PDB file of N, CA and C in Angstrom:
ATOM      1  N   MET A   1    -212.993-228.641  -5.233  1.00  0.00           N
ATOM      2  CA  MET A   1    -213.241-230.064  -5.386  1.00  0.00           C
ATOM      3  C   MET A   1    -212.405-230.871  -4.389  1.00  0.00           C
ATOM      4  N   ALA A   2    -211.149-230.473  -4.175  1.00  0.00           N
ATOM      5  CA  ALA A   2    -210.278-231.199  -3.249  1.00  0.00           C
ATOM      6  C   ALA A   2    -210.829-231.119  -1.824  1.00  0.00           C
ATOM      7  N   VAL A   3    -211.357-229.972  -1.440  1.00  0.00           N
ATOM      8  CA  VAL A   3    -211.924-229.814  -0.102  1.00  0.00           C
ATOM      9  C   VAL A   3    -213.132-230.733   0.055  1.00  0.00           C
ATOM     10  N   PHE A   4    -213.953-230.823  -0.979  1.00  0.00           N
ATOM     11  CA  PHE A   4    -215.110-231.717  -0.946  1.00  0.00           C
ATOM     12  C   PHE A   4    -214.659-233.158  -0.767  1.00  0.00           C
ATOM     13  N   ASN A   5    -213.634-233.598  -1.512  1.00  0.00           N
ATOM     14  CA  ASN A   5    -213.135-234.966  -1.403  1.00  0.00           C
ATOM     15  C   ASN A   5    -212.630-235.269   0.001  1.00  0.00           C
ATOM     16  N   ILE A   6    -211.936-234.327   0.608  1.00  0.00           N
ATOM     17  CA  ILE A   6    -211.427-234.523   1.962  1.00  0.00           C
ATOM     18  C   ILE A   6    -212.590-234.649   2.938  1.00  0.00           C
ATOM     19  N   HIS A   7    -213.609-233.805   2.779  1.00  0.00           N
ATOM     20  CA  HIS A   7    -214.764-233.880   3.669  1.00  0.00           C
ATOM     21  C   HIS A   7    -215.494-235.210   3.511  1.00  0.00           C
ATOM     22  N   VAL A   8    -215.631-235.686   2.286  1.00  0.00           N
ATOM     23  CA  VAL A   8    -216.278-236.976   2.053  1.00  0.00           C
ATOM     24  C   VAL A   8    -215.461-238.084   2.700  1.00  0.00           C
ATOM     25  N   MET A   9    -214.138-238.030   2.554  1.00  0.00           N
ATOM     26  CA  MET A   9    -213.271-239.047   3.132  1.00  0.00           C
ATOM     27  C   MET A   9    -213.368-239.038   4.657  1.00  0.00           C
ATOM     28  N   VAL A  10    -213.325-237.870   5.252  1.00  0.00           N
ATOM     29  CA  VAL A  10    -213.419-237.772   6.712  1.00  0.00           C
ATOM     30  C   VAL A  10    -214.770-238.299   7.184  1.00  0.00           C
ATOM     31  N   LEU A  11    -215.822-237.956   6.467  1.00  0.00           N
ATOM     32  CA  LEU A  11    -217.149-238.459   6.821  1.00  0.00           C
ATOM     33  C   LEU A  11    -217.182-239.980   6.734  1.00  0.00           C
ATOM     34  N   ALA A  12    -216.599-240.537   5.685  1.00  0.00           N
ATOM     35  CA  ALA A  12    -216.564-241.993   5.539  1.00  0.00           C
ATOM     36  C   ALA A  12    -215.771-242.634   6.668  1.00  0.00           C
ATOM     37  N   PHE A  13    -214.637-242.027   7.027  1.00  0.00           N
ATOM     38  CA  PHE A  13    -213.837-242.556   8.131  1.00  0.00           C
ATOM     39  C   PHE A  13    -214.635-242.545   9.432  1.00  0.00           C
ATOM     40  N   PHE A  14    -215.346-241.449   9.687  1.00  0.00           N
ATOM     41  CA  PHE A  14    -216.120-241.380  10.918  1.00  0.00           C
ATOM     42  C   PHE A  14    -217.273-242.377  10.896  1.00  0.00           C
ATOM     43  N   ALA A  15    -217.860-242.604   9.741  1.00  0.00           N
ATOM     44  CA  ALA A  15    -218.921-243.603   9.644  1.00  0.00           C
ATOM     45  C   ALA A  15    -218.369-244.989   9.943  1.00  0.00           C
ATOM     46  N   ILE A  16    -217.227-245.307   9.365  1.00  0.00           N
ATOM     47  CA  ILE A  16    -216.590-246.600   9.610  1.00  0.00           C
ATOM     48  C   ILE A  16    -216.199-246.715  11.072  1.00  0.00           C
ATOM     49  N   THR A  17    -215.606-245.661  11.597  1.00  0.00           N
ATOM     50  CA  THR A  17    -215.162-245.679  12.987  1.00  0.00           C
ATOM     51  C   THR A  17    -216.347-245.810  13.931  1.00  0.00           C
ATOM     52  N   GLY A  18    -217.433-245.148  13.617  1.00  0.00           N
ATOM     53  CA  GLY A  18    -218.615-245.247  14.458  1.00  0.00           C
ATOM     54  C   GLY A  18    -219.118-246.666  14.573  1.00  0.00           C
ATOM     55  N   ILE A  19    -218.939-247.441  13.526  1.00  0.00           N
ATOM     56  CA  ILE A  19    -219.336-248.833  13.551  1.00  0.00           C
ATOM     57  C   ILE A  19    -218.377-249.652  14.407  1.00  0.00           C
ATOM     58  N   LEU A  20    -217.097-249.303  14.369  1.00  0.00           N
ATOM     59  CA  LEU A  20    -216.069-250.137  14.991  1.00  0.00           C
ATOM     60  C   LEU A  20    -215.689-249.740  16.409  1.00  0.00           C
ATOM     61  N   ILE A  21    -216.053-248.540  16.835  1.00  0.00           N
ATOM     62  CA  ILE A  21    -215.584-248.068  18.138  1.00  0.00           C
ATOM     63  C   ILE A  21    -216.680-248.204  19.186  1.00  0.00           C
ATOM     64  N   SER A  22    -216.265-248.661  20.348  1.00  0.00           N
ATOM     65  CA  SER A  22    -217.171-248.709  21.493  1.00  0.00           C
ATOM     66  C   SER A  22    -216.678-247.713  22.524  1.00  0.00           C
ATOM     67  N   ASP A  23    -217.150-247.838  23.752  1.00  0.00           N
ATOM     68  CA  ASP A  23    -216.707-246.951  24.831  1.00  0.00           C
ATOM     69  C   ASP A  23    -215.217-247.074  25.048  1.00  0.00           C
ATOM     70  N   ASP A  24    -214.601-246.054  25.599  1.00  0.00           N
ATOM     71  CA  ASP A  24    -213.183-246.019  25.958  1.00  0.00           C
ATOM     72  C   ASP A  24    -212.250-246.113  24.756  1.00  0.00           C
ATOM     73  N   ASN A  25    -212.710-245.744  23.580  1.00  0.00           N
ATOM     74  CA  ASN A  25    -211.881-245.745  22.378  1.00  0.00           C
ATOM     75  C   ASN A  25    -211.262-247.103  22.065  1.00  0.00           C
ATOM     76  N   ASN A  26    -211.934-248.182  22.395  1.00  0.00           N
ATOM     77  CA  ASN A  26    -211.479-249.520  22.025  1.00  0.00           C
ATOM     78  C   ASN A  26    -212.316-250.003  20.856  1.00  0.00           C
ATOM     79  N   MET A  27    -211.649-250.527  19.819  1.00  0.00           N
ATOM     80  CA  MET A  27    -212.396-251.082  18.707  1.00  0.00           C
ATOM     81  C   MET A  27    -212.832-252.480  19.109  1.00  0.00           C
ATOM     82  N   VAL A  28    -214.112-252.738  18.969  1.00  0.00           N
ATOM     83  CA  VAL A  28    -214.633-254.036  19.342  1.00  0.00           C
ATOM     84  C   VAL A  28    -215.253-254.665  18.106  1.00  0.00           C
ATOM     85  N   TYR A  29    -214.869-255.866  17.842  1.00  0.00           N
ATOM     86  CA  TYR A  29    -215.411-256.604  16.714  1.00  0.00           C
ATOM     87  C   TYR A  29    -215.337-258.065  17.107  1.00  0.00           C
ATOM     88  N   GLY A  30    -216.458-258.693  17.330  1.00  0.00           N
ATOM     89  CA  GLY A  30    -216.437-260.066  17.804  1.00  0.00           C
ATOM     90  C   GLY A  30    -215.848-260.118  19.200  1.00  0.00           C
ATOM     91  N   GLN A  31    -214.920-261.012  19.419  1.00  0.00           N
ATOM     92  CA  GLN A  31    -214.330-261.212  20.735  1.00  0.00           C
ATOM     93  C   GLN A  31    -213.105-260.329  20.976  1.00  0.00           C
ATOM     94  N   GLU A  32    -212.522-259.781  19.929  1.00  0.00           N
ATOM     95  CA  GLU A  32    -211.240-259.105  20.058  1.00  0.00           C
ATOM     96  C   GLU A  32    -211.399-257.585  20.156  1.00  0.00           C
ATOM     97  N   GLN A  33    -210.487-256.953  20.880  1.00  0.00           N
ATOM     98  CA  GLN A  33    -210.469-255.504  20.995  1.00  0.00           C
ATOM     99  C   GLN A  33    -209.137-254.994  20.488  1.00  0.00           C
ATOM    100  N   CYS A  34    -209.193-253.895  19.762  1.00  0.00           N
ATOM    101  CA  CYS A  34    -207.971-253.236  19.297  1.00  0.00           C
ATOM    102  C   CYS A  34    -207.804-251.964  20.114  1.00  0.00           C
ATOM    103  N   GLN A  35    -206.733-251.883  20.855  1.00  0.00           N
ATOM    104  CA  GLN A  35    -206.489-250.751  21.740  1.00  0.00           C
ATOM    105  C   GLN A  35    -205.970-249.544  20.957  1.00  0.00           C
ATOM    106  N   GLY A  36    -206.331-248.372  21.404  1.00  0.00           N
ATOM    107  CA  GLY A  36    -205.781-247.150  20.843  1.00  0.00           C
ATOM    108  C   GLY A  36    -206.836-246.109  20.537  1.00  0.00           C
ATOM    109  N   ASP A  37    -206.373-244.948  20.188  1.00  0.00           N
ATOM    110  CA  ASP A  37    -207.226-243.802  19.881  1.00  0.00           C
ATOM    111  C   ASP A  37    -207.541-243.810  18.396  1.00  0.00           C
ATOM    112  N   LEU A  38    -208.596-244.525  18.013  1.00  0.00           N
ATOM    113  CA  LEU A  38    -208.930-244.639  16.599  1.00  0.00           C
ATOM    114  C   LEU A  38    -209.446-243.330  16.017  1.00  0.00           C
ATOM    115  N   GLN A  39    -210.123-242.532  16.820  1.00  0.00           N
ATOM    116  CA  GLN A  39    -210.561-241.219  16.331  1.00  0.00           C
ATOM    117  C   GLN A  39    -209.351-240.345  16.058  1.00  0.00           C
ATOM    118  N   GLY A  40    -208.336-240.414  16.919  1.00  0.00           N
ATOM    119  CA  GLY A  40    -207.093-239.686  16.684  1.00  0.00           C
ATOM    120  C   GLY A  40    -206.385-240.179  15.448  1.00  0.00           C
ATOM    121  N   LEU A  41    -206.435-241.485  15.234  1.00  0.00           N
ATOM    122  CA  LEU A  41    -205.831-242.073  14.039  1.00  0.00           C
ATOM    123  C   LEU A  41    -206.447-241.469  12.790  1.00  0.00           C
ATOM    124  N   ILE A  42    -207.748-241.343  12.803  1.00  0.00           N
ATOM    125  CA  ILE A  42    -208.447-240.768  11.657  1.00  0.00           C
ATOM    126  C   ILE A  42    -208.137-239.281  11.511  1.00  0.00           C
ATOM    127  N   SER A  43    -208.259-238.538  12.594  1.00  0.00           N
ATOM    128  CA  SER A  43    -208.088-237.083  12.493  1.00  0.00           C
ATOM    129  C   SER A  43    -206.652-236.686  12.194  1.00  0.00           C
ATOM    130  N   GLN A  44    -205.680-237.443  12.698  1.00  0.00           N
ATOM    131  CA  GLN A  44    -204.279-237.058  12.521  1.00  0.00           C
ATOM    132  C   GLN A  44    -203.624-237.688  11.295  1.00  0.00           C
ATOM    133  N   CYS A  45    -204.130-238.834  10.846  1.00  0.00           N
ATOM    134  CA  CYS A  45    -203.412-239.583   9.807  1.00  0.00           C
ATOM    135  C   CYS A  45    -204.163-239.753   8.492  1.00  0.00           C
ATOM    136  N   ALA A  46    -205.427-239.385   8.439  1.00  0.00           N
ATOM    137  CA  ALA A  46    -206.231-239.641   7.240  1.00  0.00           C
ATOM    138  C   ALA A  46    -205.611-239.055   5.973  1.00  0.00           C
ATOM    139  N   THR A  47    -205.069-237.865   6.063  1.00  0.00           N
ATOM    140  CA  THR A  47    -204.523-237.227   4.857  1.00  0.00           C
ATOM    141  C   THR A  47    -203.303-237.956   4.307  1.00  0.00           C
ATOM    142  N   TYR A  48    -202.645-238.748   5.128  1.00  0.00           N
ATOM    143  CA  TYR A  48    -201.424-239.446   4.694  1.00  0.00           C
ATOM    144  C   TYR A  48    -201.703-240.820   4.098  1.00  0.00           C
ATOM    145  N   VAL A  49    -202.918-241.318   4.239  1.00  0.00           N
ATOM    146  CA  VAL A  49    -203.226-242.661   3.754  1.00  0.00           C
ATOM    147  C   VAL A  49    -204.365-242.703   2.735  1.00  0.00           C
ATOM    148  N   GLN A  50    -204.890-241.551   2.337  1.00  0.00           N
ATOM    149  CA  GLN A  50    -205.985-241.546   1.375  1.00  0.00           C
ATOM    150  C   GLN A  50    -205.486-241.973   0.003  1.00  0.00           C
ATOM    151  N   LYS A  51    -206.373-242.579  -0.767  1.00  0.00           N
ATOM    152  CA  LYS A  51    -206.026-243.083  -2.103  1.00  0.00           C
ATOM    153  C   LYS A  51    -205.508-241.983  -3.017  1.00  0.00           C
ATOM    154  N   SER A  52    -206.128-240.827  -2.990  1.00  0.00           N
ATOM    155  CA  SER A  52    -205.709-239.758  -3.889  1.00  0.00           C
ATOM    156  C   SER A  52    -204.457-239.070  -3.359  1.00  0.00           C
ATOM    157  N   GLY A  53    -203.715-238.479  -4.246  1.00  0.00           N
ATOM    158  CA  GLY A  53    -202.530-237.732  -3.850  1.00  0.00           C
ATOM    159  C   GLY A  53    -201.288-238.593  -3.764  1.00  0.00           C
ATOM    160  N   VAL A  54    -200.172-237.919  -3.564  1.00  0.00           N
ATOM    161  CA  VAL A  54    -198.886-238.601  -3.495  1.00  0.00           C
ATOM    162  C   VAL A  54    -198.602-239.035  -2.057  1.00  0.00           C
ATOM    163  N   SER A  55    -197.723-239.990  -1.926  1.00  0.00           N
ATOM    164  CA  SER A  55    -197.311-240.459  -0.605  1.00  0.00           C
ATOM    165  C   SER A  55    -196.397-239.421   0.030  1.00  0.00           C
ATOM    166  N   THR A  56    -196.743-239.007   1.248  1.00  0.00           N
ATOM    167  CA  THR A  56    -195.916-238.054   1.980  1.00  0.00           C
ATOM    168  C   THR A  56    -195.664-238.597   3.377  1.00  0.00           C
ATOM    169  N   ASN A  57    -194.603-238.124   3.985  1.00  0.00           N
ATOM    170  CA  ASN A  57    -194.303-238.533   5.346  1.00  0.00           C
ATOM    171  C   ASN A  57    -195.307-237.904   6.307  1.00  0.00           C
ATOM    172  N   PRO A  58    -195.738-238.656   7.305  1.00  0.00           N
ATOM    173  CA  PRO A  58    -196.747-238.145   8.241  1.00  0.00           C
ATOM    174  C   PRO A  58    -196.171-237.143   9.231  1.00  0.00           C
ATOM    175  N   SER A  59    -197.074-236.440   9.864  1.00  0.00           N
ATOM    176  CA  SER A  59    -196.704-235.470  10.902  1.00  0.00           C
ATOM    177  C   SER A  59    -196.322-236.193  12.187  1.00  0.00           C
ATOM    178  N   GLN A  60    -195.705-235.467  13.099  1.00  0.00           N
ATOM    179  CA  GLN A  60    -195.379-236.032  14.409  1.00  0.00           C
ATOM    180  C   GLN A  60    -196.657-236.398  15.158  1.00  0.00           C
ATOM    181  N   ALA A  61    -197.705-235.592  14.997  1.00  0.00           N
ATOM    182  CA  ALA A  61    -198.982-235.894  15.670  1.00  0.00           C
ATOM    183  C   ALA A  61    -199.542-237.227  15.185  1.00  0.00           C
ATOM    184  N   CYS A  62    -199.450-237.475  13.893  1.00  0.00           N
ATOM    185  CA  CYS A  62    -199.898-238.755  13.345  1.00  0.00           C
ATOM    186  C   CYS A  62    -199.049-239.888  13.929  1.00  0.00           C
ATOM    187  N   CYS A  63    -197.746-239.707  13.938  1.00  0.00           N
ATOM    188  CA  CYS A  63    -196.850-240.741  14.487  1.00  0.00           C
ATOM    189  C   CYS A  63    -197.151-241.032  15.950  1.00  0.00           C
ATOM    190  N   ASN A  64    -197.455-240.007  16.720  1.00  0.00           N
ATOM    191  CA  ASN A  64    -197.778-240.206  18.131  1.00  0.00           C
ATOM    192  C   ASN A  64    -198.995-241.119  18.281  1.00  0.00           C
ATOM    193  N   VAL A  65    -199.995-240.920  17.420  1.00  0.00           N
ATOM    194  CA  VAL A  65    -201.196-241.755  17.475  1.00  0.00           C
ATOM    195  C   VAL A  65    -200.865-243.166  16.985  1.00  0.00           C
ATOM    196  N   ILE A  66    -200.126-243.265  15.893  1.00  0.00           N
ATOM    197  CA  ILE A  66    -199.757-244.579  15.330  1.00  0.00           C
ATOM    198  C   ILE A  66    -199.064-245.434  16.388  1.00  0.00           C
ATOM    199  N   LYS A  67    -198.174-244.827  17.138  1.00  0.00           N
ATOM    200  CA  LYS A  67    -197.411-245.572  18.148  1.00  0.00           C
ATOM    201  C   LYS A  67    -198.295-246.101  19.274  1.00  0.00           C
ATOM    202  N   ALA A  68    -199.480-245.525  19.443  1.00  0.00           N
ATOM    203  CA  ALA A  68    -200.373-245.918  20.534  1.00  0.00           C
ATOM    204  C   ALA A  68    -201.529-246.806  20.076  1.00  0.00           C
ATOM    205  N   VAL A  69    -201.596-247.108  18.780  1.00  0.00           N
ATOM    206  CA  VAL A  69    -202.678-247.926  18.242  1.00  0.00           C
ATOM    207  C   VAL A  69    -202.132-249.305  17.891  1.00  0.00           C
ATOM    208  N   ASP A  70    -202.905-250.316  18.160  1.00  0.00           N
ATOM    209  CA  ASP A  70    -202.535-251.693  17.814  1.00  0.00           C
ATOM    210  C   ASP A  70    -202.842-251.913  16.328  1.00  0.00           C
ATOM    211  N   ILE A  71    -201.914-251.469  15.474  1.00  0.00           N
ATOM    212  CA  ILE A  71    -202.116-251.518  14.025  1.00  0.00           C
ATOM    213  C   ILE A  71    -202.332-252.954  13.531  1.00  0.00           C
ATOM    214  N   PRO A  72    -201.541-253.952  13.956  1.00  0.00           N
ATOM    215  CA  PRO A  72    -201.820-255.318  13.482  1.00  0.00           C
ATOM    216  C   PRO A  72    -203.237-255.784  13.800  1.00  0.00           C
ATOM    217  N   CYS A  73    -203.763-255.399  14.946  1.00  0.00           N
ATOM    218  CA  CYS A  73    -205.134-255.745  15.293  1.00  0.00           C
ATOM    219  C   CYS A  73    -206.112-255.033  14.364  1.00  0.00           C
ATOM    220  N   VAL A  74    -205.899-253.739  14.161  1.00  0.00           N
ATOM    221  CA  VAL A  74    -206.774-252.966  13.283  1.00  0.00           C
ATOM    222  C   VAL A  74    -206.761-253.551  11.878  1.00  0.00           C
ATOM    223  N   CYS A  75    -205.591-253.999  11.412  1.00  0.00           N
ATOM    224  CA  CYS A  75    -205.465-254.564  10.063  1.00  0.00           C
ATOM    225  C   CYS A  75    -206.401-255.743   9.836  1.00  0.00           C
ATOM    226  N   LYS A  76    -206.717-256.464  10.883  1.00  0.00           N
ATOM    227  CA  LYS A  76    -207.599-257.626  10.756  1.00  0.00           C
ATOM    228  C   LYS A  76    -209.009-257.230  10.345  1.00  0.00           C
ATOM    229  N   TYR A  77    -209.379-255.971  10.581  1.00  0.00           N
ATOM    230  CA  TYR A  77    -210.742-255.531  10.339  1.00  0.00           C
ATOM    231  C   TYR A  77    -210.878-254.557   9.167  1.00  0.00           C
ATOM    232  N   ILE A  78    -209.836-254.447   8.360  1.00  0.00           N
ATOM    233  CA  ILE A  78    -209.901-253.592   7.180  1.00  0.00           C
ATOM    234  C   ILE A  78    -210.727-254.311   6.122  1.00  0.00           C
ATOM    235  N   THR A  79    -211.797-253.683   5.694  1.00  0.00           N
ATOM    236  CA  THR A  79    -212.700-254.282   4.707  1.00  0.00           C
ATOM    237  C   THR A  79    -212.412-253.718   3.318  1.00  0.00           C
ATOM    238  N   LYS A  80    -213.031-254.320   2.328  1.00  0.00           N
ATOM    239  CA  LYS A  80    -212.918-253.818   0.949  1.00  0.00           C
ATOM    240  C   LYS A  80    -213.447-252.387   0.861  1.00  0.00           C
ATOM    241  N   ASP A  81    -214.489-252.071   1.630  1.00  0.00           N
ATOM    242  CA  ASP A  81    -215.036-250.711   1.622  1.00  0.00           C
ATOM    243  C   ASP A  81    -214.003-249.710   2.126  1.00  0.00           C
ATOM    244  N   ILE A  82    -213.295-250.062   3.179  1.00  0.00           N
ATOM    245  CA  ILE A  82    -212.246-249.180   3.701  1.00  0.00           C
ATOM    246  C   ILE A  82    -211.129-249.041   2.670  1.00  0.00           C
ATOM    247  N   GLU A  83    -210.799-250.156   1.998  1.00  0.00           N
ATOM    248  CA  GLU A  83    -209.737-250.124   0.995  1.00  0.00           C
ATOM    249  C   GLU A  83    -210.110-249.295  -0.231  1.00  0.00           C
ATOM    250  N   GLN A  84    -211.378-248.971  -0.398  1.00  0.00           N
ATOM    251  CA  GLN A  84    -211.787-248.061  -1.466  1.00  0.00           C
ATOM    252  C   GLN A  84    -211.339-246.634  -1.167  1.00  0.00           C
ATOM    253  N   ILE A  85    -211.130-246.325   0.107  1.00  0.00           N
ATOM    254  CA  ILE A  85    -210.777-244.983   0.557  1.00  0.00           C
ATOM    255  C   ILE A  85    -209.307-244.886   0.943  1.00  0.00           C
ATOM    256  N   VAL A  86    -208.792-245.940   1.548  1.00  0.00           N
ATOM    257  CA  VAL A  86    -207.453-245.933   2.118  1.00  0.00           C
ATOM    258  C   VAL A  86    -206.488-246.718   1.239  1.00  0.00           C
ATOM    259  N   ASP A  87    -205.325-246.137   0.968  1.00  0.00           N
ATOM    260  CA  ASP A  87    -204.256-246.799   0.216  1.00  0.00           C
ATOM    261  C   ASP A  87    -203.419-247.587   1.219  1.00  0.00           C
ATOM    262  N   MET A  88    -203.515-248.902   1.162  1.00  0.00           N
ATOM    263  CA  MET A  88    -202.853-249.735   2.159  1.00  0.00           C
ATOM    264  C   MET A  88    -201.331-249.644   2.076  1.00  0.00           C
ATOM    265  N   ALA A  89    -200.784-249.404   0.904  1.00  0.00           N
ATOM    266  CA  ALA A  89    -199.331-249.201   0.793  1.00  0.00           C
ATOM    267  C   ALA A  89    -198.920-247.944   1.559  1.00  0.00           C
ATOM    268  N   LYS A  90    -199.761-246.916   1.536  1.00  0.00           N
ATOM    269  CA  LYS A  90    -199.475-245.700   2.300  1.00  0.00           C
ATOM    270  C   LYS A  90    -199.583-245.973   3.801  1.00  0.00           C
ATOM    271  N   VAL A  91    -200.515-246.826   4.209  1.00  0.00           N
ATOM    272  CA  VAL A  91    -200.626-247.198   5.620  1.00  0.00           C
ATOM    273  C   VAL A  91    -199.321-247.845   6.080  1.00  0.00           C
ATOM    274  N   VAL A  92    -198.804-248.752   5.263  1.00  0.00           N
ATOM    275  CA  VAL A  92    -197.552-249.432   5.595  1.00  0.00           C
ATOM    276  C   VAL A  92    -196.411-248.413   5.678  1.00  0.00           C
ATOM    277  N   HIS A  93    -196.372-247.466   4.733  1.00  0.00           N
ATOM    278  CA  HIS A  93    -195.337-246.424   4.740  1.00  0.00           C
ATOM    279  C   HIS A  93    -195.428-245.579   6.014  1.00  0.00           C
ATOM    280  N   VAL A  94    -196.623-245.153   6.368  1.00  0.00           N
ATOM    281  CA  VAL A  94    -196.816-244.311   7.546  1.00  0.00           C
ATOM    282  C   VAL A  94    -196.374-245.060   8.804  1.00  0.00           C
ATOM    283  N   ALA A  95    -196.788-246.304   8.931  1.00  0.00           N
ATOM    284  CA  ALA A  95    -196.396-247.091  10.108  1.00  0.00           C
ATOM    285  C   ALA A  95    -194.878-247.232  10.178  1.00  0.00           C
ATOM    286  N   GLU A  96    -194.250-247.518   9.045  1.00  0.00           N
ATOM    287  CA  GLU A  96    -192.791-247.670   9.020  1.00  0.00           C
ATOM    288  C   GLU A  96    -192.100-246.358   9.356  1.00  0.00           C
ATOM    289  N   PHE A  97    -192.552-245.261   8.750  1.00  0.00           N
ATOM    290  CA  PHE A  97    -191.956-243.951   9.008  1.00  0.00           C
ATOM    291  C   PHE A  97    -192.046-243.590  10.488  1.00  0.00           C
ATOM    292  N   CYS A  98    -193.144-243.981  11.116  1.00  0.00           N
ATOM    293  CA  CYS A  98    -193.377-243.645  12.524  1.00  0.00           C
ATOM    294  C   CYS A  98    -192.674-244.605  13.482  1.00  0.00           C
ATOM    295  N   GLY A  99    -191.918-245.547  12.951  1.00  0.00           N
ATOM    296  CA  GLY A  99    -191.147-246.439  13.805  1.00  0.00           C
ATOM    297  C   GLY A  99    -191.884-247.677  14.264  1.00  0.00           C
ATOM    298  N   THR A 100    -193.023-247.976  13.637  1.00  0.00           N
ATOM    299  CA  THR A 100    -193.770-249.187  13.963  1.00  0.00           C
ATOM    300  C   THR A 100    -194.036-249.985  12.684  1.00  0.00           C
ATOM    301  N   PRO A 101    -192.959-250.474  12.052  1.00  0.00           N
ATOM    302  CA  PRO A 101    -193.150-251.181  10.780  1.00  0.00           C
ATOM    303  C   PRO A 101    -193.960-252.463  10.956  1.00  0.00           C
ATOM    304  N   LEU A 102    -194.750-252.762   9.943  1.00  0.00           N
ATOM    305  CA  LEU A 102    -195.522-253.993   9.954  1.00  0.00           C
ATOM    306  C   LEU A 102    -194.631-255.119   9.440  1.00  0.00           C
ATOM    307  N   PRO A 103    -194.723-256.287  10.038  1.00  0.00           N
ATOM    308  CA  PRO A 103    -193.847-257.393   9.638  1.00  0.00           C
ATOM    309  C   PRO A 103    -194.061-257.821   8.186  1.00  0.00           C
ATOM    310  N   HIS A 104    -192.965-258.156   7.516  1.00  0.00           N
ATOM    311  CA  HIS A 104    -193.016-258.669   6.149  1.00  0.00           C
ATOM    312  C   HIS A 104    -193.926-259.899   6.111  1.00  0.00           C
ATOM    313  N   GLY A 105    -194.815-259.926   5.143  1.00  0.00           N
ATOM    314  CA  GLY A 105    -195.731-261.049   5.000  1.00  0.00           C
ATOM    315  C   GLY A 105    -197.041-260.888   5.740  1.00  0.00           C
ATOM    316  N   MET A 106    -197.130-259.874   6.613  1.00  0.00           N
ATOM    317  CA  MET A 106    -198.369-259.637   7.352  1.00  0.00           C
ATOM    318  C   MET A 106    -199.451-259.146   6.401  1.00  0.00           C
ATOM    319  N   LYS A 107    -200.673-259.545   6.660  1.00  0.00           N
ATOM    320  CA  LYS A 107    -201.810-259.125   5.850  1.00  0.00           C
ATOM    321  C   LYS A 107    -202.525-257.989   6.567  1.00  0.00           C
ATOM    322  N   CYS A 108    -202.741-256.885   5.860  1.00  0.00           N
ATOM    323  CA  CYS A 108    -203.478-255.742   6.391  1.00  0.00           C
ATOM    324  C   CYS A 108    -204.616-255.483   5.414  1.00  0.00           C
ATOM    325  N   GLY A 109    -205.828-255.871   5.795  1.00  0.00           N
ATOM    326  CA  GLY A 109    -206.912-255.891   4.832  1.00  0.00           C
ATOM    327  C   GLY A 109    -206.590-256.994   3.825  1.00  0.00           C
ATOM    328  N   SER A 110    -206.628-256.668   2.554  1.00  0.00           N
ATOM    329  CA  SER A 110    -206.230-257.639   1.530  1.00  0.00           C
ATOM    330  C   SER A 110    -204.792-257.428   1.085  1.00  0.00           C
ATOM    331  N   TYR A 111    -204.145-256.399   1.638  1.00  0.00           N
ATOM    332  CA  TYR A 111    -202.772-256.045   1.262  1.00  0.00           C
ATOM    333  C   TYR A 111    -201.779-256.888   2.063  1.00  0.00           C
ATOM    334  N   ILE A 112    -200.796-257.447   1.383  1.00  0.00           N
ATOM    335  CA  ILE A 112    -199.738-258.198   2.057  1.00  0.00           C
ATOM    336  C   ILE A 112    -198.479-257.331   2.086  1.00  0.00           C
ATOM    337  N   VAL A 113    -197.955-257.133   3.287  1.00  0.00           N
ATOM    338  CA  VAL A 113    -196.786-256.260   3.482  1.00  0.00           C
ATOM    339  C   VAL A 113    -195.562-256.907   2.846  1.00  0.00           C
ATOM    340  N   HIS A 114    -194.882-256.139   2.003  1.00  0.00           N
ATOM    341  CA  HIS A 114    -193.665-256.589   1.335  1.00  0.00           C
ATOM    342  C   HIS A 114    -192.467-255.891   1.953  1.00  0.00           C
ATOM    343  N   GLU A 115    -191.298-256.491   1.784  1.00  0.00           N
ATOM    344  CA  GLU A 115    -190.078-255.824   2.256  1.00  0.00           C
ATOM    345  C   GLU A 115    -189.839-254.586   1.432  1.00  0.00           C
ATOM    346  N   ALA A 116    -189.307-253.561   2.087  1.00  0.00           N
ATOM    347  CA  ALA A 116    -189.026-252.283   1.396  1.00  0.00           C
ATOM    348  C   ALA A 116    -187.840-252.428   0.487  1.00  0.00           C
TER     349      ALA A 116
END
């Protein structure tokens, strides 16, 4: 059952990413572009931000991708559908652990970043 859930989550991430990604791995939505390897973000970090399971520290590979993605830009495009799959508190934890903390008070999807 756990393997099925992971496959469903990965499929959902790729479906969402397919909507948001254009050529050159830039997320395009309206006038703004979010730079970074969003496919890498999904493949390397999905297990650390999924709703199910406990919060764990991410891998170095995940951190490498996090450091190269414009997370504040990506946060602007997090929808309620994405929040059904992704635990935004875990996203904040992963970003902080990887050395790219989100500013206190920043909104990521509907989640507002609080001080640790």
